[in-house]
C-alpha atoms as a PDB file:
ATOM      1  CA  MET A   1     117.920 104.859 108.054  1.00  0.00           C
ATOM      2  CA  SER A   2     121.139 105.606 106.345  1.00  0.00           C
ATOM      3  CA  GLU A   3     121.589 108.568 104.051  1.00  0.00           C
ATOM      4  CA  HIS A   4     121.476 106.191 101.053  1.00  0.00           C
ATOM      5  CA  THR A   5     117.984 104.872 102.056  1.00  0.00           C
ATOM      6  CA  ASN A   6     115.092 106.419 100.159  1.00  0.00           C
ATOM      7  CA  PRO A   7     112.127 106.203 102.401  1.00  0.00           C
ATOM      8  CA  PHE A   8     109.856 106.573  99.352  1.00  0.00           C
ATOM      9  CA  ASP A   9     111.347 103.685  97.644  1.00  0.00           C
ATOM     10  CA  HIS A  10     108.421 101.394  96.781  1.00  0.00           C
ATOM     11  CA  ALA A  11     110.323  98.791  94.922  1.00  0.00           C
ATOM     12  CA  GLN A  12     110.479  96.404  97.768  1.00  0.00           C
ATOM     13  CA  ILE A  13     106.663  96.329  98.388  1.00  0.00           C
ATOM     14  CA  ASP A  14     105.407  92.888  97.678  1.00  0.00           C
ATOM     15  CA  ASP A  15     103.081  93.072  94.611  1.00  0.00           C
ATOM     16  CA  VAL A  16     101.447  89.790  95.443  1.00  0.00           C
ATOM     17  CA  ILE A  17     100.021  91.254  98.598  1.00  0.00           C
ATOM     18  CA  HIS A  18      99.675  94.836  97.391  1.00  0.00           C
ATOM     19  CA  GLY A  19      96.808  94.004  94.890  1.00  0.00           C
ATOM     20  CA  ARG A  20      93.476  95.266  96.434  1.00  0.00           C
ATOM     21  CA  LEU A  21      91.613  92.040  96.600  1.00  0.00           C
ATOM     22  CA  ARG A  22      94.751  90.154  97.831  1.00  0.00           C
ATOM     23  CA  LEU A  23      95.357  92.836 100.408  1.00  0.00           C
ATOM     24  CA  GLY A  24      91.858  92.467 101.820  1.00  0.00           C
ATOM     25  CA  ILE A  25      92.383  88.582 101.778  1.00  0.00           C
ATOM     26  CA  MET A  26      95.601  88.872 103.691  1.00  0.00           C
ATOM     27  CA  ALA A  27      94.123  91.360 106.067  1.00  0.00           C
ATOM     28  CA  TYR A  28      91.227  89.228 106.977  1.00  0.00           C
ATOM     29  CA  LEU A  29      93.362  85.995 107.250  1.00  0.00           C
ATOM     30  CA  SER A  30      95.682  87.681 109.597  1.00  0.00           C
ATOM     31  CA  THR A  31      92.812  87.980 112.014  1.00  0.00           C
ATOM     32  CA  VAL A  32      90.826  84.915 111.173  1.00  0.00           C
ATOM     33  CA  SER A  33      92.729  81.800 110.018  1.00  0.00           C
ATOM     34  CA  PRO A  34      91.392  79.476 108.838  1.00  0.00           C
ATOM     35  CA  ALA A  35      88.450  81.148 107.039  1.00  0.00           C
ATOM     36  CA  ILE A  36      85.743  79.324 105.184  1.00  0.00           C
ATOM     37  CA  PHE A  37      85.809  80.176 101.509  1.00  0.00           C
ATOM     38  CA  GLY A  38      82.211  81.573 101.502  1.00  0.00           C
ATOM     39  CA  GLU A  39      82.983  83.734 104.671  1.00  0.00           C
ATOM     40  CA  LEU A  40      86.076  85.073 103.110  1.00  0.00           C
ATOM     41  CA  LYS A  41      84.254  85.788  99.802  1.00  0.00           C
ATOM     42  CA  GLU A  42      81.569  87.750 101.730  1.00  0.00           C
ATOM     43  CA  LYS A  43      84.155  89.750 103.794  1.00  0.00           C
ATOM     44  CA  VAL A  44      86.286  90.858 100.829  1.00  0.00           C
ATOM     45  CA  GLY A  45      83.298  91.319  98.477  1.00  0.00           C
ATOM     46  CA  ALA A  46      84.565  88.955  95.742  1.00  0.00           C
ATOM     47  CA  THR A  47      82.879  86.433  93.402  1.00  0.00           C
ATOM     48  CA  ASP A  48      83.755  82.783  93.484  1.00  0.00           C
ATOM     49  CA  GLY A  49      85.908  83.043  90.432  1.00  0.00           C
ATOM     50  CA  ASN A  50      87.710  86.092  91.357  1.00  0.00           C
ATOM     51  CA  LEU A  51      88.567  84.977  94.917  1.00  0.00           C
ATOM     52  CA  SER A  52      89.725  81.610  93.596  1.00  0.00           C
ATOM     53  CA  THR A  53      92.071  83.357  91.048  1.00  0.00           C
ATOM     54  CA  HIS A  54      93.558  85.596  93.871  1.00  0.00           C
ATOM     55  CA  LEU A  55      93.795  82.753  96.321  1.00  0.00           C
ATOM     56  CA  ARG A  56      95.651  80.770  93.688  1.00  0.00           C
ATOM     57  CA  LYS A  57      98.284  83.551  93.258  1.00  0.00           C
ATOM     58  CA  LEU A  58      98.597  83.818  97.126  1.00  0.00           C
ATOM     59  CA  GLU A  59      98.955  80.022  97.210  1.00  0.00           C
ATOM     60  CA  ASP A  60     101.608  80.080  94.580  1.00  0.00           C
ATOM     61  CA  ALA A  61     103.600  82.495  96.651  1.00  0.00           C
ATOM     62  CA  GLY A  62     103.284  80.275  99.616  1.00  0.00           C
ATOM     63  CA  TYR A  63     101.198  82.838 101.596  1.00  0.00           C
ATOM     64  CA  VAL A  64      97.995  80.814 101.994  1.00  0.00           C
ATOM     65  CA  ARG A  65      97.020  77.230 101.840  1.00  0.00           C
ATOM     66  CA  GLN A  66      93.565  75.893 100.989  1.00  0.00           C
ATOM     67  CA  GLU A  67      92.215  72.703 102.576  1.00  0.00           C
ATOM     68  CA  LYS A  68      89.084  70.915 100.935  1.00  0.00           C
ATOM     69  CA  ARG A  69      86.948  68.794 103.044  1.00  0.00           C
ATOM     70  CA  PHE A  70      83.316  67.730 103.511  1.00  0.00           C
ATOM     71  CA  VAL A  71      81.104  68.818 106.310  1.00  0.00           C
ATOM     72  CA  GLY A  72      78.268  66.386 106.256  1.00  0.00           C
ATOM     73  CA  ARG A  73      77.746  65.992 102.573  1.00  0.00           C
ATOM     74  CA  ARG A  74      78.633  69.475 101.574  1.00  0.00           C
ATOM     75  CA  PRO A  75      82.157  70.433 100.303  1.00  0.00           C
ATOM     76  CA  GLN A  76      83.930  73.100 102.381  1.00  0.00           C
ATOM     77  CA  THR A  77      87.132  74.982 101.531  1.00  0.00           C
ATOM     78  CA  ARG A  78      89.237  76.384 104.389  1.00  0.00           C
ATOM     79  CA  VAL A  79      91.821  79.025 103.817  1.00  0.00           C
ATOM     80  CA  PHE A  80      94.769  79.258 106.034  1.00  0.00           C
ATOM     81  CA  LEU A  81      97.433  81.962 106.348  1.00  0.00           C
ATOM     82  CA  THR A  82     100.842  80.245 106.301  1.00  0.00           C
ATOM     83  CA  GLU A  83     103.748  81.103 108.419  1.00  0.00           C
ATOM     84  CA  ASP A  84     105.507  82.679 105.325  1.00  0.00           C
ATOM     85  CA  GLY A  85     102.274  84.580 104.532  1.00  0.00           C
ATOM     86  CA  ARG A  86     102.205  86.012 108.112  1.00  0.00           C
ATOM     87  CA  LYS A  87     106.010  87.051 107.865  1.00  0.00           C
ATOM     88  CA  ALA A  88     105.094  88.639 104.444  1.00  0.00           C
ATOM     89  CA  TRP A  89     102.097  90.503 105.775  1.00  0.00           C
ATOM     90  CA  LEU A  90     104.072  91.902 108.749  1.00  0.00           C
ATOM     91  CA  ILE A  91     106.804  93.040 106.244  1.00  0.00           C
ATOM     92  CA  TRP A  92     104.173  94.724 104.071  1.00  0.00           C
ATOM     93  CA  ILE A  93     102.684  96.589 107.051  1.00  0.00           C
ATOM     94  CA  ASP A  94     106.162  97.808 108.190  1.00  0.00           C
ATOM     95  CA  GLN A  95     106.797  99.039 104.522  1.00  0.00           C
ATOM     96  CA  MET A  96     103.535 100.808 104.462  1.00  0.00           C
ATOM     97  CA  GLN A  97     104.194 102.461 107.841  1.00  0.00           C
ATOM     98  CA  GLY A  98     107.690 103.506 106.739  1.00  0.00           C
ATOM     99  CA  LEU A  99     106.146 105.255 103.606  1.00  0.00           C
ATOM    100  CA  MET A 100     103.513 107.035 105.859  1.00  0.00           C
ATOM    101  CA  ARG A 101     106.156 108.184 108.314  1.00  0.00           C
ATOM    102  CA  ALA A 102     108.184 109.472 105.517  1.00  0.00           C
ATOM    103  CA  ALA A 103     105.260 111.476 104.132  1.00  0.00           C
ATOM    104  CA  GLU A 104     104.585 113.310 107.440  1.00  0.00           C
END
């Protein structure tokens, strides 16, 4: 770190990921991708509408993509972490680790 770098500078933290529910979504998808909508809803403790709203925000950022299909006669939505989403997630983790190291 240079002398001009502030280790407590939070301005570069990605607000799209940093929201609590979106953080949970990204964390889960980083380990299980794709995830079925119902499974993801259960894991992050969200309602259908709340999860849909947050997935839309992540999708608009290019971090996730949704694929709708039918399994038998039932609709199923699968949620994938995109390559850009994985990169953004790793950057977010690195930033959080930097903040924690600076606070030691």
